[in-house]
C-alpha cells in the first residue's frame, strides 16, 4: 500500500466549535445560507454521538436529514437525530444528568439497591454491573404517523422510477 499511496493524511476529531462551523459550511454549500436545520441542542447531541469524527458526523447527519425529509420536518429534532443514531448503532459518549428524568435520579444513599428501583419503573435496564442505566431513547412517533411517513416515502420512490 505504501508503494501506491504518495501521501498519508489523518484527520483529528473536530472540537464542538469546529463541528458547528463544519455543519454551517456544509448546509451553506447545499444552498441554505441561514443554517436553521440544526439547533444548538441538536449540534451538541451530534457531537456526543460522533465524538467529532467527520465520517460519523456525515453519516449521522445524512441519515437524520433523510428521516426529517420523510417526516416533512423543517428542522432536525432531537427525536429525529436519536432515531438516526439508533439506526446507525451509535452510542452517546456523554450523557448529562439533565437527560435523566427526575423520577429516575436516586440519592447516593438509598435503602433499595439501584436494580430494584429500575425494576419498578420499567424505564431502565441493568448495565451488567448491578447498576440501573436509564433508557434515554424514546419512540420517534406513534405507529400511525410512522405508517404515513412510510407510505409517503414509498410514493416518492415510485414516482422516482
Protein backbone atom coordinates (compact mmCIF):
# COMPACT_ATOMS: atom_id res chain seq x y z
CA UNK A 1 0.00 0.00 0.00
CA UNK A 2 2.81 2.41 0.80
CA UNK A 3 4.15 1.94 -2.72
CA UNK A 4 0.87 3.16 -4.24
CA UNK A 5 -0.05 5.94 -1.82
CA UNK A 6 2.10 9.05 -2.04
CA UNK A 7 0.58 11.00 0.82
CA UNK A 8 -1.00 9.91 4.08
CA UNK A 9 -3.34 12.27 5.89
CA UNK A 10 -5.01 11.80 9.26
CA UNK A 11 -7.93 13.91 10.36
CA UNK A 12 -8.26 14.66 14.03
CA UNK A 13 -11.76 14.71 15.52
CA UNK A 14 -13.47 18.08 15.46
CA UNK A 15 -14.00 20.09 18.62
CA UNK A 16 -17.56 21.25 19.32
CA UNK A 17 -16.94 24.73 17.88
CA UNK A 18 -15.30 23.23 14.79
CA UNK A 19 -18.28 20.90 14.39
CA UNK A 20 -20.63 23.89 14.45
CA UNK A 21 -18.55 25.60 11.75
CA UNK A 22 -18.40 22.39 9.71
CA UNK A 23 -22.19 21.92 9.81
CA UNK A 24 -22.73 25.58 8.93
CA UNK A 25 -20.33 25.26 5.97
CA UNK A 26 -21.96 22.08 4.65
CA UNK A 27 -25.50 23.47 4.94
CA UNK A 28 -24.45 26.78 3.35
CA UNK A 29 -22.81 24.97 0.43
CA UNK A 30 -26.01 22.95 0.00
CA UNK A 31 -27.96 26.17 -0.51
CA UNK A 32 -29.23 27.19 2.94
CA UNK A 33 -27.17 30.24 3.95
CA UNK A 34 -29.05 30.73 7.21
CA UNK A 35 -28.36 27.46 8.98
CA UNK A 36 -31.64 26.59 10.64
CA UNK A 37 -31.62 22.80 10.32
CA UNK A 38 -29.60 22.02 13.45
CA UNK A 39 -30.31 23.79 16.73
CA UNK A 40 -27.60 24.20 19.39
CA UNK A 41 -29.02 21.24 21.35
CA UNK A 42 -29.03 19.01 18.28
CA UNK A 43 -25.47 20.07 17.41
CA UNK A 44 -24.37 19.12 20.93
CA UNK A 45 -26.12 15.77 20.51
CA UNK A 46 -24.36 15.19 17.17
CA UNK A 47 -21.05 15.84 18.92
CA UNK A 48 -21.93 13.38 21.71
CA UNK A 49 -22.83 10.63 19.24
CA UNK A 50 -19.84 11.12 16.92
CA UNK A 51 -17.03 12.45 19.14
CA UNK A 52 -16.32 14.91 16.32
CA UNK A 53 -15.25 12.20 13.83
CA UNK A 54 -16.21 13.70 10.48
CA UNK A 55 -17.06 10.38 8.81
CA UNK A 56 -19.58 9.67 11.58
CA UNK A 57 -20.87 13.25 11.51
CA UNK A 58 -21.57 12.92 7.79
CA UNK A 59 -23.30 9.54 8.19
CA UNK A 60 -25.41 10.66 11.15
CA UNK A 61 -26.46 13.96 9.57
CA UNK A 62 -27.26 12.29 6.24
CA UNK A 63 -29.47 9.74 7.96
CA UNK A 64 -31.13 12.43 10.10
CA UNK A 65 -31.80 14.62 7.06
CA UNK A 66 -33.40 11.71 5.21
CA UNK A 67 -35.62 10.94 8.21
CA UNK A 68 -36.51 14.62 8.56
CA UNK A 69 -37.40 14.77 4.87
CA UNK A 70 -39.63 11.73 5.18
CA UNK A 71 -41.38 13.34 8.14
CA UNK A 72 -41.54 16.72 6.38
CA UNK A 73 -39.82 18.34 9.33
CA UNK A 74 -38.34 21.83 8.81
CA UNK A 75 -35.63 21.06 11.38
CA UNK A 76 -33.70 18.06 12.61
CA UNK A 77 -35.12 17.46 16.09
CA UNK A 78 -33.57 15.52 18.94
CA UNK A 79 -36.00 12.66 18.32
CA UNK A 80 -35.05 12.50 14.64
CA UNK A 81 -31.35 12.56 15.47
CA UNK A 82 -31.72 9.86 18.12
CA UNK A 83 -33.66 7.69 15.65
CA UNK A 84 -30.87 8.11 13.08
CA UNK A 85 -28.20 7.33 15.69
CA UNK A 86 -30.14 4.24 16.73
CA UNK A 87 -30.29 3.08 13.10
CA UNK A 88 -26.51 3.58 12.80
CA UNK A 89 -25.96 1.89 16.18
CA UNK A 90 -24.13 4.92 17.60
CA UNK A 91 -23.85 5.39 21.35
CA UNK A 92 -23.69 8.69 23.18
CA UNK A 93 -20.37 9.27 24.88
CA UNK A 94 -21.55 11.92 27.31
CA UNK A 95 -24.94 11.71 28.98
CA UNK A 96 -25.77 14.63 31.20
CA UNK A 97 -27.91 14.33 34.32
CA UNK A 98 -30.44 16.57 32.59
CA UNK A 99 -31.20 13.70 30.20
CA UNK A 100 -32.39 11.52 33.08
CA UNK A 101 -35.97 12.19 34.15
CA UNK A 102 -36.23 13.29 37.82
CA UNK A 103 -38.11 10.13 38.87
CA UNK A 104 -35.11 8.00 37.89
CA UNK A 105 -32.45 10.03 39.75
CA UNK A 106 -31.94 8.45 43.13
CA UNK A 107 -29.93 9.73 46.12
CA UNK A 108 -26.48 8.28 46.68
CA UNK A 109 -27.58 6.56 49.89
CA UNK A 110 -30.68 4.51 49.29
CA UNK A 111 -32.36 1.66 51.15
CA UNK A 112 -33.29 -0.18 47.96
CA UNK A 113 -30.50 -1.22 45.61
CA UNK A 114 -30.44 0.54 42.21
CA UNK A 115 -31.53 -2.63 40.41
CA UNK A 116 -34.75 -2.82 42.44
CA UNK A 117 -35.58 0.78 41.62
CA UNK A 118 -35.06 0.02 37.94
CA UNK A 119 -37.41 -2.95 38.04
CA UNK A 120 -40.27 -0.83 39.34
CA UNK A 121 -40.36 1.91 36.73
CA UNK A 122 -39.54 -0.13 33.60
CA UNK A 123 -37.62 2.78 32.04
CA UNK A 124 -34.18 1.47 32.96
CA UNK A 125 -32.14 -1.62 32.29
CA UNK A 126 -29.29 -3.38 34.03
CA UNK A 127 -25.81 -2.42 32.80
CA UNK A 128 -24.46 -5.82 33.83
CA UNK A 129 -22.70 -4.47 36.90
CA UNK A 130 -25.71 -4.17 39.21
CA UNK A 131 -26.38 -0.52 38.42
CA UNK A 132 -29.50 0.71 36.68
CA UNK A 133 -28.94 2.59 33.45
CA UNK A 134 -31.79 4.85 32.31
CA UNK A 135 -33.07 4.17 28.82
CA UNK A 136 -32.75 7.59 27.16
CA UNK A 137 -34.28 6.61 23.82
CA UNK A 138 -37.91 7.44 23.24
CA UNK A 139 -40.02 6.35 20.27
CA UNK A 140 -39.94 8.88 17.47
CA UNK A 141 -43.63 8.77 16.76
CA UNK A 142 -46.69 6.60 17.08
CA UNK A 143 -47.45 3.75 14.72
CA UNK A 144 -49.96 5.62 12.52
CA UNK A 145 -47.62 8.55 11.90
CA UNK A 146 -44.82 6.15 11.01
CA UNK A 147 -47.09 4.37 8.52
CA UNK A 148 -47.95 7.71 6.88
CA UNK A 149 -44.24 8.50 6.59
CA UNK A 150 -43.50 5.13 5.07
CA UNK A 151 -46.32 5.43 2.55
CA UNK A 152 -45.09 8.93 1.65
CA UNK A 153 -41.60 7.54 1.07
CA UNK A 154 -42.99 4.61 -0.96
CA UNK A 155 -44.96 7.01 -3.18
CA UNK A 156 -41.87 9.15 -3.64
CA UNK A 157 -39.82 6.10 -4.64
CA UNK A 158 -42.49 5.04 -7.13
CA UNK A 159 -42.52 8.47 -8.75
CA UNK A 160 -38.70 8.44 -8.89
CA UNK A 161 -38.73 5.38 -11.18
